[in-house]
C-alpha atoms as a PDB file:
ATOM      1  CA  MET A   1       9.141  -9.035  13.407  1.00  0.00           C
ATOM      2  CA  ALA A   2      11.153  -9.399  10.147  1.00  0.00           C
ATOM      3  CA  LEU A   3      10.633 -10.546   6.656  1.00  0.00           C
ATOM      4  CA  GLY A   4      10.113 -14.188   7.183  1.00  0.00           C
ATOM      5  CA  PRO A   5       9.024 -17.257   4.821  1.00  0.00           C
ATOM      6  CA  PHE A   6       5.569 -15.813   4.893  1.00  0.00           C
ATOM      7  CA  GLY A   7       6.239 -12.575   4.064  1.00  0.00           C
ATOM      8  CA  LEU A   8       5.583 -11.025   7.389  1.00  0.00           C
ATOM      9  CA  SER A   9       7.263  -7.560   8.284  1.00  0.00           C
ATOM     10  CA  ALA A  10       6.722  -5.219  11.136  1.00  0.00           C
ATOM     11  CA  GLN A  11       9.408  -2.574  12.460  1.00  0.00           C
ATOM     12  CA  GLY A  12       9.117  -0.694  15.907  1.00  0.00           C
ATOM     13  CA  GLY A  13       5.833  -2.193  17.196  1.00  0.00           C
ATOM     14  CA  GLU A  14       3.900  -1.797  13.794  1.00  0.00           C
ATOM     15  CA  LYS A  15       1.385  -4.692  13.023  1.00  0.00           C
ATOM     16  CA  PRO A  16       2.909  -7.401  10.616  1.00  0.00           C
ATOM     17  CA  ILE A  17       1.904  -6.628   6.928  1.00  0.00           C
ATOM     18  CA  ALA A  18       1.231  -9.063   4.117  1.00  0.00           C
ATOM     19  CA  VAL A  19       4.062  -8.493   1.404  1.00  0.00           C
ATOM     20  CA  GLU A  20       3.606  -9.100  -2.072  1.00  0.00           C
ATOM     21  CA  ARG A  21       5.858 -11.550  -4.050  1.00  0.00           C
ATOM     22  CA  PRO A  22       6.705 -11.702  -7.586  1.00  0.00           C
ATOM     23  CA  ASP A  23       4.319 -14.559  -8.661  1.00  0.00           C
ATOM     24  CA  LEU A  24       1.463 -13.028 -10.348  1.00  0.00           C
ATOM     25  CA  LYS A  25      -0.688 -16.141  -9.227  1.00  0.00           C
ATOM     26  CA  PHE A  26      -0.092 -15.871  -5.593  1.00  0.00           C
ATOM     27  CA  ASN A  27      -0.513 -11.862  -5.824  1.00  0.00           C
ATOM     28  CA  LYS A  28      -3.937 -12.502  -7.530  1.00  0.00           C
ATOM     29  CA  ALA A  29      -4.897 -14.999  -4.627  1.00  0.00           C
ATOM     30  CA  LEU A  30      -3.727 -12.723  -1.992  1.00  0.00           C
ATOM     31  CA  HIS A  31      -6.062 -10.204  -3.734  1.00  0.00           C
ATOM     32  CA  LEU A  32      -8.690 -12.512  -3.189  1.00  0.00           C
ATOM     33  CA  VAL A  33      -7.915 -12.979   0.343  1.00  0.00           C
ATOM     34  CA  LYS A  34      -7.911  -9.578   0.972  1.00  0.00           C
ATOM     35  CA  VAL A  35     -10.976  -8.749  -1.035  1.00  0.00           C
ATOM     36  CA  ALA A  36     -13.124 -11.854   0.523  1.00  0.00           C
ATOM     37  CA  GLU A  37     -11.511 -11.023   4.083  1.00  0.00           C
ATOM     38  CA  LEU A  38     -10.322 -14.791   4.418  1.00  0.00           C
ATOM     39  CA  ASP A  39      -7.537 -13.858   6.753  1.00  0.00           C
ATOM     40  CA  TRP A  40      -9.656 -12.017   8.922  1.00  0.00           C
ATOM     41  CA  ALA A  41     -12.060 -15.139   9.049  1.00  0.00           C
ATOM     42  CA  ILE A  42      -8.916 -17.298  10.116  1.00  0.00           C
ATOM     43  CA  LEU A  43      -8.194 -14.973  13.025  1.00  0.00           C
ATOM     44  CA  SER A  44     -11.873 -14.471  14.177  1.00  0.00           C
ATOM     45  CA  SER A  45     -11.924 -18.359  14.175  1.00  0.00           C
ATOM     46  CA  PHE A  46      -8.873 -18.305  16.382  1.00  0.00           C
ATOM     47  CA  LEU A  47     -10.348 -15.765  18.810  1.00  0.00           C
ATOM     48  CA  ALA A  48     -13.536 -17.534  19.099  1.00  0.00           C
ATOM     49  CA  TYR A  49     -12.012 -20.740  20.106  1.00  0.00           C
ATOM     50  CA  LEU A  50     -10.130 -18.722  22.798  1.00  0.00           C
ATOM     51  CA  LYS A  51     -13.073 -16.709  23.921  1.00  0.00           C
ATOM     52  CA  ALA A  52     -15.235 -19.990  23.912  1.00  0.00           C
ATOM     53  CA  PRO A  53     -15.838 -21.409  27.422  1.00  0.00           C
ATOM     54  CA  PRO A  54     -13.928 -24.717  27.914  1.00  0.00           C
ATOM     55  CA  ILE A  55     -16.227 -27.984  27.729  1.00  0.00           C
ATOM     56  CA  ASP A  56     -15.506 -28.913  31.288  1.00  0.00           C
ATOM     57  CA  GLY A  57     -16.983 -25.475  32.222  1.00  0.00           C
ATOM     58  CA  SER A  58     -13.671 -23.902  33.796  1.00  0.00           C
ATOM     59  CA  LYS A  59     -13.060 -20.430  32.589  1.00  0.00           C
ATOM     60  CA  ARG A  60     -10.096 -20.066  30.213  1.00  0.00           C
ATOM     61  CA  LEU A  61      -9.404 -16.281  30.223  1.00  0.00           C
ATOM     62  CA  GLU A  62     -10.060 -15.682  33.770  1.00  0.00           C
ATOM     63  CA  THR A  63      -6.955 -13.806  34.827  1.00  0.00           C
ATOM     64  CA  GLU A  64      -5.854 -10.326  33.714  1.00  0.00           C
ATOM     65  CA  ALA A  65      -2.629 -11.661  32.048  1.00  0.00           C
ATOM     66  CA  ASN A  66      -4.805 -13.864  30.146  1.00  0.00           C
ATOM     67  CA  SER A  67      -6.898 -10.960  29.102  1.00  0.00           C
ATOM     68  CA  ARG A  68      -3.985  -8.856  27.978  1.00  0.00           C
ATOM     69  CA  VAL A  69      -2.724 -11.993  25.666  1.00  0.00           C
ATOM     70  CA  LEU A  70      -6.063 -12.041  24.068  1.00  0.00           C
ATOM     71  CA  GLU A  71      -5.952  -8.304  23.581  1.00  0.00           C
ATOM     72  CA  CYS A  72      -2.587  -8.689  21.916  1.00  0.00           C
ATOM     73  CA  ILE A  73      -3.875 -11.619  19.550  1.00  0.00           C
ATOM     74  CA  GLU A  74      -6.892  -9.427  18.545  1.00  0.00           C
ATOM     75  CA  SER A  75      -4.652  -6.333  17.813  1.00  0.00           C
ATOM     76  CA  SER A  76      -2.158  -8.300  15.727  1.00  0.00           C
ATOM     77  CA  GLY A  77      -4.586  -7.906  12.780  1.00  0.00           C
ATOM     78  CA  PRO A  78      -5.621 -10.382  10.174  1.00  0.00           C
ATOM     79  CA  SER A  79      -2.434  -9.960   8.036  1.00  0.00           C
ATOM     80  CA  ILE A  80      -0.496 -12.625   9.907  1.00  0.00           C
ATOM     81  CA  TYR A  81      -2.784 -15.126   8.031  1.00  0.00           C
ATOM     82  CA  SER A  82      -2.765 -13.443   4.327  1.00  0.00           C
ATOM     83  CA  HIS A  83       0.156 -15.804   3.246  1.00  0.00           C
ATOM     84  CA  ILE A  84      -1.074 -18.639   4.422  1.00  0.00           C
ATOM     85  CA  ALA A  85      -4.584 -18.395   2.914  1.00  0.00           C
ATOM     86  CA  ALA A  86      -2.875 -17.012  -0.410  1.00  0.00           C
ATOM     87  CA  GLU A  87      -0.603 -19.939  -0.730  1.00  0.00           C
ATOM     88  CA  ASN A  88      -3.432 -22.337  -0.239  1.00  0.00           C
ATOM     89  CA  TYR A  89      -5.790 -20.607  -2.780  1.00  0.00           C
ATOM     90  CA  ALA A  90      -2.895 -20.330  -5.384  1.00  0.00           C
ATOM     91  CA  ALA A  91      -1.944 -23.764  -5.145  1.00  0.00           C
ATOM     92  CA  LYS A  92      -5.444 -25.060  -5.644  1.00  0.00           C
ATOM     93  CA  MET A  93      -7.206 -22.580  -7.971  1.00  0.00           C
ATOM     94  CA  SER A  94      -6.652 -21.689 -11.808  1.00  0.00           C
ATOM     95  CA  MET A  95      -6.132 -18.017 -12.778  1.00  0.00           C
ATOM     96  CA  SER A  96      -9.499 -18.309 -14.098  1.00  0.00           C
ATOM     97  CA  GLU A  97     -11.179 -19.561 -10.998  1.00  0.00           C
ATOM     98  CA  LEU A  98      -9.358 -17.007  -8.734  1.00  0.00           C
ATOM     99  CA  ASP A  99     -10.580 -14.177 -11.201  1.00  0.00           C
ATOM    100  CA  ASP A 100     -14.266 -15.767 -10.890  1.00  0.00           C
ATOM    101  CA  ALA A 101     -13.850 -15.659  -6.928  1.00  0.00           C
ATOM    102  CA  ILE A 102     -12.673 -11.883  -6.919  1.00  0.00           C
ATOM    103  CA  ALA A 103     -15.451 -11.012  -9.281  1.00  0.00           C
ATOM    104  CA  PHE A 104     -17.696 -12.615  -7.099  1.00  0.00           C
ATOM    105  CA  TYR A 105     -16.405 -11.032  -3.811  1.00  0.00           C
ATOM    106  CA  GLU A 106     -16.136  -7.691  -5.431  1.00  0.00           C
ATOM    107  CA  SER A 107     -19.798  -7.458  -6.382  1.00  0.00           C
ATOM    108  CA  PRO A 108     -22.655  -6.387  -4.013  1.00  0.00           C
ATOM    109  CA  LEU A 109     -23.653 -10.050  -3.423  1.00  0.00           C
ATOM    110  CA  GLY A 110     -19.955 -10.909  -2.618  1.00  0.00           C
ATOM    111  CA  ALA A 111     -19.927  -7.832  -0.260  1.00  0.00           C
ATOM    112  CA  LYS A 112     -23.272  -8.979   1.444  1.00  0.00           C
ATOM    113  CA  VAL A 113     -21.995 -12.324   2.085  1.00  0.00           C
ATOM    114  CA  ILE A 114     -18.888 -11.129   3.624  1.00  0.00           C
ATOM    115  CA  LEU A 115     -20.980  -8.872   6.233  1.00  0.00           C
ATOM    116  CA  ILE A 116     -23.103 -11.835   6.960  1.00  0.00           C
ATOM    117  CA  THR A 117     -19.991 -14.089   7.412  1.00  0.00           C
ATOM    118  CA  ARG A 118     -18.570 -11.208   9.949  1.00  0.00           C
ATOM    119  CA  SER A 119     -21.815 -10.610  11.728  1.00  0.00           C
ATOM    120  CA  GLY A 120     -21.576 -14.480  12.427  1.00  0.00           C
ATOM    121  CA  PHE A 121     -17.877 -14.345  13.683  1.00  0.00           C
ATOM    122  CA  GLN A 122     -18.844 -11.024  15.815  1.00  0.00           C
ATOM    123  CA  ALA A 123     -21.374 -13.462  17.319  1.00  0.00           C
ATOM    124  CA  MET A 124     -18.713 -16.352  17.860  1.00  0.00           C
ATOM    125  CA  THR A 125     -16.260 -13.939  19.500  1.00  0.00           C
ATOM    126  CA  TYR A 126     -18.671 -12.219  21.783  1.00  0.00           C
ATOM    127  CA  SER A 127     -18.371  -9.168  19.974  1.00  0.00           C
ATOM    128  CA  GLU A 128     -20.611  -6.407  19.327  1.00  0.00           C
ATOM    129  CA  VAL A 129     -22.732  -7.880  16.191  1.00  0.00           C
ATOM    130  CA  THR A 130     -23.233  -5.580  13.278  1.00  0.00           C
ATOM    131  CA  PRO A 131     -26.454  -6.932  11.753  1.00  0.00           C
ATOM    132  CA  ALA A 132     -26.513  -8.272   8.142  1.00  0.00           C
ATOM    133  CA  PRO A 133     -29.261  -7.689   5.977  1.00  0.00           C
ATOM    134  CA  PRO A 134     -30.732 -11.254   4.795  1.00  0.00           C
ATOM    135  CA  LEU A 135     -30.154 -12.514   1.125  1.00  0.00           C
ATOM    136  CA  THR A 136     -33.306 -11.935  -1.222  1.00  0.00           C
ATOM    137  CA  ASP A 137     -34.191 -15.190  -2.839  1.00  0.00           C
ATOM    138  CA  ASP A 138     -32.757 -14.231  -6.086  1.00  0.00           C
ATOM    139  CA  GLU A 139     -29.432 -13.573  -4.112  1.00  0.00           C
ATOM    140  CA  SER A 140     -29.662 -17.083  -2.390  1.00  0.00           C
ATOM    141  CA  THR A 141     -29.877 -18.764  -5.842  1.00  0.00           C
ATOM    142  CA  HIS A 142     -26.724 -16.573  -7.270  1.00  0.00           C
ATOM    143  CA  LEU A 143     -25.020 -17.546  -4.074  1.00  0.00           C
ATOM    144  CA  LYS A 144     -25.752 -21.232  -4.611  1.00  0.00           C
ATOM    145  CA  GLU A 145     -24.609 -20.908  -8.330  1.00  0.00           C
ATOM    146  CA  PHE A 146     -21.539 -19.134  -7.170  1.00  0.00           C
ATOM    147  CA  SER A 147     -20.941 -22.107  -4.610  1.00  0.00           C
ATOM    148  CA  GLN A 148     -21.530 -24.940  -7.022  1.00  0.00           C
ATOM    149  CA  SER A 149     -18.917 -23.268  -9.552  1.00  0.00           C
ATOM    150  CA  ARG A 150     -15.266 -24.568  -9.841  1.00  0.00           C
ATOM    151  CA  ALA A 151     -14.218 -21.285  -8.073  1.00  0.00           C
ATOM    152  CA  GLY A 152     -16.786 -21.528  -5.291  1.00  0.00           C
ATOM    153  CA  ARG A 153     -15.960 -25.216  -4.393  1.00  0.00           C
ATOM    154  CA  ALA A 154     -12.264 -24.440  -4.550  1.00  0.00           C
ATOM    155  CA  MET A 155     -13.073 -21.750  -2.048  1.00  0.00           C
ATOM    156  CA  ALA A 156     -15.143 -23.922   0.213  1.00  0.00           C
ATOM    157  CA  THR A 157     -11.720 -25.804   1.077  1.00  0.00           C
ATOM    158  CA  PRO A 158      -9.974 -24.061   3.870  1.00  0.00           C
ATOM    159  CA  PRO A 159      -6.085 -23.602   4.435  1.00  0.00           C
ATOM    160  CA  GLU A 160      -3.940 -26.358   5.289  1.00  0.00           C
ATOM    161  CA  TRP A 161      -4.617 -26.136   9.130  1.00  0.00           C
ATOM    162  CA  ARG A 162      -1.179 -27.458  10.037  1.00  0.00           C
ATOM    163  CA  LYS A 163       0.114 -24.172   8.893  1.00  0.00           C
ATOM    164  CA  VAL A 164      -2.593 -22.111  10.475  1.00  0.00           C
ATOM    165  CA  ASP A 165      -2.027 -24.094  13.962  1.00  0.00           C
ATOM    166  CA  GLU A 166       1.556 -23.119  13.572  1.00  0.00           C
ATOM    167  CA  ARG A 167       0.841 -19.635  13.040  1.00  0.00           C
ATOM    168  CA  ASN A 168      -1.664 -19.689  15.822  1.00  0.00           C
ATOM    169  CA  ARG A 169       0.945 -20.835  18.096  1.00  0.00           C
ATOM    170  CA  MET A 170       3.299 -18.540  16.971  1.00  0.00           C
ATOM    171  CA  LEU A 171       1.047 -15.531  17.611  1.00  0.00           C
ATOM    172  CA  PHE A 172       0.210 -17.006  21.101  1.00  0.00           C
ATOM    173  CA  LYS A 173       3.944 -17.259  21.931  1.00  0.00           C
ATOM    174  CA  ILE A 174       4.476 -13.705  20.827  1.00  0.00           C
ATOM    175  CA  CYS A 175       1.661 -12.471  22.957  1.00  0.00           C
ATOM    176  CA  ILE A 176       2.704 -14.293  25.802  1.00  0.00           C
ATOM    177  CA  ASP A 177       6.108 -13.386  25.625  1.00  0.00           C
ATOM    178  CA  SER A 178       5.066  -9.695  25.503  1.00  0.00           C
ATOM    179  CA  GLN A 179       3.261 -10.080  28.660  1.00  0.00           C
ATOM    180  CA  ARG A 180       6.105 -11.651  30.449  1.00  0.00           C
ATOM    181  CA  ALA A 181       8.215  -8.489  29.659  1.00  0.00           C
ATOM    182  CA  ILE A 182       5.676  -6.224  31.235  1.00  0.00           C
ATOM    183  CA  LYS A 183       6.687  -5.646  34.679  1.00  0.00           C
ATOM    184  CA  PRO A 184       3.878  -4.778  37.424  1.00  0.00           C
ATOM    185  CA  THR A 185       4.343  -1.434  38.961  1.00  0.00           C
ATOM    186  CA  SER A 186       4.111  -1.114  42.693  1.00  0.00           C
END
């Protein structure tokens, strides 16, 4: 992959990485995405969708080739979604709101919220779940205060799903094409 409109770059089999841009607000939003692991959450939700049994009871990932595609997607890493999420938060949050959200996620309570979120996604993707400690009453109160703040409300709105869906399709196609290039050995 080469540098593209979302700042993705990879050479010689390396994973795509998020590249900073000269825009200070965008870079602050990119920092928020990394601190709060928002890109990881988007990748995890895509994996949860792919791993969940279809409603009709059929098996979505029953073949070895499909399993390899899923492994490819899992190994791509969350950076493929970093710029989509950063563009979203830069567009809808003020610099002050970005600062408040970063401060929250860099706090001990924010770190605990990330652990709880990660545990939830691990369960959704049928991964080994790392138990997260429950929130205390005081922590629950502070979390509620943050979620009702301007920054918290802005954080509650997900990225534009059309862009996420386009990125999901691109990633899926790359992984499918890579599996087609692998020839079975006899």
